[in-house]
Amino acid sequence: MILIAVLFPWFSFFLRGRFLLGFICLILQITLIGWLPAAIWAVASHLDAKNKKRFRAVQSGY
């Protein structure tokens, strides 16, 4: 999933059901300068969602 987030940042948002963010990311990615920030944003968002899911699982265990 991280490889998809780096190569196709907008698609990683679409796969997670975040269509508005995916569209904004696609617009950012269209510009060559925006590719790097879009990729960083997609990877950071993916890791943040993964950490939030892990945190909720730990909290529900207590």
N, C-alpha and C. Protein backbone atom coordinates (compact mmCIF):
# COMPACT_ATOMS: atom_id res chain seq x y z
N MET A 1 0.82 -1.19 0.00
CA MET A 1 0.00 0.00 0.00
C MET A 1 0.87 1.26 0.00
N ILE A 2 2.01 1.21 0.65
CA ILE A 2 2.89 2.38 0.67
C ILE A 2 3.47 2.63 -0.72
N LEU A 3 3.76 1.58 -1.47
CA LEU A 3 4.25 1.75 -2.83
C LEU A 3 3.18 2.43 -3.71
N ILE A 4 1.94 2.05 -3.54
CA ILE A 4 0.86 2.70 -4.27
C ILE A 4 0.76 4.17 -3.86
N ALA A 5 0.93 4.43 -2.55
CA ALA A 5 0.85 5.81 -2.06
C ALA A 5 1.98 6.67 -2.63
N VAL A 6 3.11 6.10 -2.89
CA VAL A 6 4.23 6.86 -3.46
C VAL A 6 4.05 7.05 -4.96
N LEU A 7 3.66 6.01 -5.67
CA LEU A 7 3.54 6.09 -7.13
C LEU A 7 2.24 6.76 -7.57
N PHE A 8 1.13 6.43 -6.92
CA PHE A 8 -0.18 6.97 -7.27
C PHE A 8 -0.87 7.45 -5.99
N PRO A 9 -0.44 8.60 -5.47
CA PRO A 9 -1.00 9.07 -4.19
C PRO A 9 -2.52 9.20 -4.19
N TRP A 10 -3.08 9.70 -5.26
CA TRP A 10 -4.53 9.89 -5.32
C TRP A 10 -5.27 8.56 -5.26
N PHE A 11 -4.69 7.53 -5.85
CA PHE A 11 -5.33 6.21 -5.87
C PHE A 11 -5.36 5.59 -4.48
N SER A 12 -4.34 5.86 -3.67
CA SER A 12 -4.34 5.31 -2.31
C SER A 12 -5.47 5.90 -1.49
N PHE A 13 -5.80 7.17 -1.72
CA PHE A 13 -6.95 7.77 -1.03
C PHE A 13 -8.25 7.14 -1.53
N PHE A 14 -8.35 6.92 -2.83
CA PHE A 14 -9.56 6.31 -3.39
C PHE A 14 -9.77 4.91 -2.84
N LEU A 15 -8.69 4.14 -2.69
CA LEU A 15 -8.81 2.78 -2.18
C LEU A 15 -9.31 2.75 -0.74
N ARG A 16 -9.02 3.82 0.01
CA ARG A 16 -9.46 3.89 1.40
C ARG A 16 -10.80 4.61 1.56
N GLY A 17 -11.45 4.95 0.43
CA GLY A 17 -12.76 5.55 0.48
C GLY A 17 -12.77 7.04 0.76
N ARG A 18 -11.65 7.71 0.60
CA ARG A 18 -11.55 9.15 0.86
C ARG A 18 -11.47 9.86 -0.49
N PHE A 19 -12.63 9.96 -1.15
CA PHE A 19 -12.69 10.43 -2.53
C PHE A 19 -12.37 11.91 -2.68
N LEU A 20 -12.83 12.74 -1.77
CA LEU A 20 -12.55 14.17 -1.86
C LEU A 20 -11.05 14.43 -1.71
N LEU A 21 -10.43 13.79 -0.73
CA LEU A 21 -8.98 13.95 -0.56
C LEU A 21 -8.23 13.38 -1.75
N GLY A 22 -8.74 12.29 -2.32
CA GLY A 22 -8.11 11.72 -3.50
C GLY A 22 -8.16 12.66 -4.69
N PHE A 23 -9.28 13.34 -4.85
CA PHE A 23 -9.41 14.30 -5.95
C PHE A 23 -8.48 15.49 -5.74
N ILE A 24 -8.40 16.00 -4.52
CA ILE A 24 -7.48 17.11 -4.21
C ILE A 24 -6.05 16.68 -4.45
N CYS A 25 -5.72 15.46 -4.05
CA CYS A 25 -4.37 14.93 -4.24
C CYS A 25 -4.06 14.76 -5.73
N LEU A 26 -5.05 14.36 -6.51
CA LEU A 26 -4.86 14.21 -7.95
C LEU A 26 -4.55 15.56 -8.59
N ILE A 27 -5.27 16.59 -8.19
CA ILE A 27 -4.99 17.93 -8.71
C ILE A 27 -3.58 18.36 -8.34
N LEU A 28 -3.17 18.08 -7.11
CA LEU A 28 -1.81 18.42 -6.67
C LEU A 28 -0.77 17.62 -7.45
N GLN A 29 -1.08 16.36 -7.71
CA GLN A 29 -0.12 15.48 -8.39
C GLN A 29 0.03 15.83 -9.86
N ILE A 30 -0.97 16.42 -10.46
CA ILE A 30 -0.89 16.78 -11.88
C ILE A 30 0.28 17.70 -12.16
N THR A 31 0.54 18.60 -11.24
CA THR A 31 1.71 19.47 -11.40
C THR A 31 2.94 18.66 -11.01
N LEU A 32 4.00 18.82 -11.75
CA LEU A 32 5.22 18.06 -11.48
C LEU A 32 5.80 18.41 -10.12
N ILE A 33 5.69 19.68 -9.74
CA ILE A 33 6.21 20.12 -8.44
C ILE A 33 5.39 19.52 -7.31
N GLY A 34 4.10 19.30 -7.54
CA GLY A 34 3.21 18.78 -6.51
C GLY A 34 3.30 17.29 -6.29
N TRP A 35 4.03 16.58 -7.13
CA TRP A 35 4.11 15.12 -6.99
C TRP A 35 4.72 14.71 -5.65
N LEU A 36 5.82 15.30 -5.28
CA LEU A 36 6.49 14.94 -4.03
C LEU A 36 5.62 15.25 -2.81
N PRO A 37 5.04 16.46 -2.69
CA PRO A 37 4.16 16.69 -1.54
C PRO A 37 2.94 15.76 -1.52
N ALA A 38 2.40 15.43 -2.69
CA ALA A 38 1.25 14.52 -2.75
C ALA A 38 1.65 13.12 -2.27
N ALA A 39 2.81 12.66 -2.67
CA ALA A 39 3.28 11.34 -2.24
C ALA A 39 3.54 11.31 -0.73
N ILE A 40 4.16 12.36 -0.21
CA ILE A 40 4.43 12.43 1.22
C ILE A 40 3.12 12.48 2.00
N TRP A 41 2.17 13.26 1.51
CA TRP A 41 0.86 13.37 2.16
C TRP A 41 0.15 12.03 2.17
N ALA A 42 0.19 11.31 1.07
CA ALA A 42 -0.50 10.01 0.99
C ALA A 42 0.14 8.98 1.92
N VAL A 43 1.45 8.94 1.97
CA VAL A 43 2.13 7.99 2.85
C VAL A 43 1.86 8.34 4.31
N ALA A 44 1.95 9.62 4.65
CA ALA A 44 1.70 10.05 6.03
C ALA A 44 0.26 9.76 6.43
N SER A 45 -0.68 9.97 5.53
CA SER A 45 -2.08 9.69 5.82
C SER A 45 -2.31 8.20 6.03
N HIS A 46 -1.66 7.39 5.21
CA HIS A 46 -1.80 5.94 5.34
C HIS A 46 -1.25 5.47 6.69
N LEU A 47 -0.07 5.96 7.06
CA LEU A 47 0.53 5.55 8.33
C LEU A 47 -0.28 6.07 9.51
N ASP A 48 -0.85 7.26 9.39
CA ASP A 48 -1.68 7.81 10.46
C ASP A 48 -2.93 6.97 10.66
N ALA A 49 -3.56 6.58 9.58
CA ALA A 49 -4.76 5.74 9.68
C ALA A 49 -4.43 4.38 10.30
N LYS A 50 -3.30 3.85 9.93
CA LYS A 50 -2.87 2.57 10.48
C LYS A 50 -2.61 2.67 11.99
N ASN A 51 -1.97 3.77 12.41
CA ASN A 51 -1.70 3.98 13.83
C ASN A 51 -2.98 4.23 14.62
N LYS A 52 -3.94 4.96 14.05
CA LYS A 52 -5.21 5.19 14.73
C LYS A 52 -5.97 3.89 14.93
N LYS A 53 -5.93 3.02 13.92
CA LYS A 53 -6.59 1.73 14.02
C LYS A 53 -5.94 0.89 15.12
N ARG A 54 -4.63 0.90 15.18
CA ARG A 54 -3.90 0.15 16.21
C ARG A 54 -4.22 0.71 17.60
N PHE A 55 -4.29 2.03 17.73
CA PHE A 55 -4.58 2.66 19.01
C PHE A 55 -5.98 2.31 19.49
N ARG A 56 -6.96 2.31 18.58
CA ARG A 56 -8.33 1.93 18.96
C ARG A 56 -8.39 0.48 19.41
N ALA A 57 -7.62 -0.39 18.78
CA ALA A 57 -7.60 -1.79 19.16
C ALA A 57 -7.01 -1.97 20.55
N VAL A 58 -5.97 -1.20 20.86
CA VAL A 58 -5.35 -1.30 22.18
C VAL A 58 -6.30 -0.76 23.24
N GLN A 59 -6.97 0.35 22.96
CA GLN A 59 -7.88 0.93 23.94
C GLN A 59 -9.10 0.05 24.19
N SER A 60 -9.58 -0.63 23.19
CA SER A 60 -10.74 -1.49 23.39
C SER A 60 -10.36 -2.75 24.17
N GLY A 61 -9.08 -3.06 24.24
CA GLY A 61 -8.62 -4.23 24.99
C GLY A 61 -8.56 -4.00 26.48
N TYR A 62 -8.56 -2.76 26.89
CA TYR A 62 -8.46 -2.44 28.33
C TYR A 62 -9.78 -2.27 28.96
